[in-house]
Amino acid sequence: MKVVRSLKSMKTRHKDCRVVRRRGRVYVINKRNPRFKARQG
């Protein structure tokens, strides 16, 4: 999982990526391709 400053570039890498908020942190998760994971905050 990458920790990035901007999640906008991570979100557009794959069409199945979705942005989720959990415990005050913002995550990009991808069910079909789990290597596109990122966290912000």
Protein backbone atom coordinates (compact mmCIF):
# COMPACT_ATOMS: atom_id res chain seq x y z
CA MET A 1 0.00 0.00 0.00
CA LYS A 2 1.28 3.43 -0.93
CA VAL A 3 0.89 6.54 1.16
CA VAL A 4 0.40 9.44 -1.23
CA ARG A 5 -0.34 13.13 -0.98
CA SER A 6 -2.93 13.21 -3.71
CA LEU A 7 -5.32 10.35 -4.30
CA LYS A 8 -6.58 11.74 -7.60
CA SER A 9 -3.73 10.18 -9.56
CA MET A 10 -4.24 6.85 -7.81
CA LYS A 11 -7.93 6.86 -8.53
CA THR A 12 -7.50 7.28 -12.27
CA ARG A 13 -4.98 4.47 -12.67
CA HIS A 14 -7.62 1.78 -12.98
CA LYS A 15 -11.32 1.96 -13.67
CA ASP A 16 -12.28 -0.21 -10.68
CA CYS A 17 -10.61 1.98 -8.08
CA ARG A 18 -12.88 3.55 -5.52
CA VAL A 19 -12.26 6.03 -2.74
CA VAL A 20 -13.33 5.01 0.76
CA ARG A 21 -13.15 6.94 4.04
CA ARG A 22 -12.32 4.90 7.14
CA ARG A 23 -11.38 6.22 10.59
CA GLY A 24 -10.47 9.66 9.32
CA ARG A 25 -8.24 8.31 6.58
CA VAL A 26 -8.95 8.20 2.87
CA TYR A 27 -8.21 4.98 1.01
CA VAL A 28 -8.19 3.90 -2.61
CA ILE A 29 -9.15 0.25 -2.88
CA ASN A 30 -9.58 -2.05 -5.83
CA LYS A 31 -11.33 -5.38 -5.50
CA ARG A 32 -10.22 -6.86 -8.80
CA ASN A 33 -6.60 -5.70 -8.77
CA PRO A 34 -5.45 -5.37 -5.14
CA ARG A 35 -2.10 -3.83 -5.98
CA PHE A 36 -3.75 -0.46 -6.59
CA LYS A 37 -4.09 0.40 -2.92
CA ALA A 38 -3.28 3.79 -1.45
CA ARG A 39 -3.83 5.72 1.73
CA GLN A 40 -3.90 9.40 2.56
CA GLY A 41 -3.82 10.96 6.03
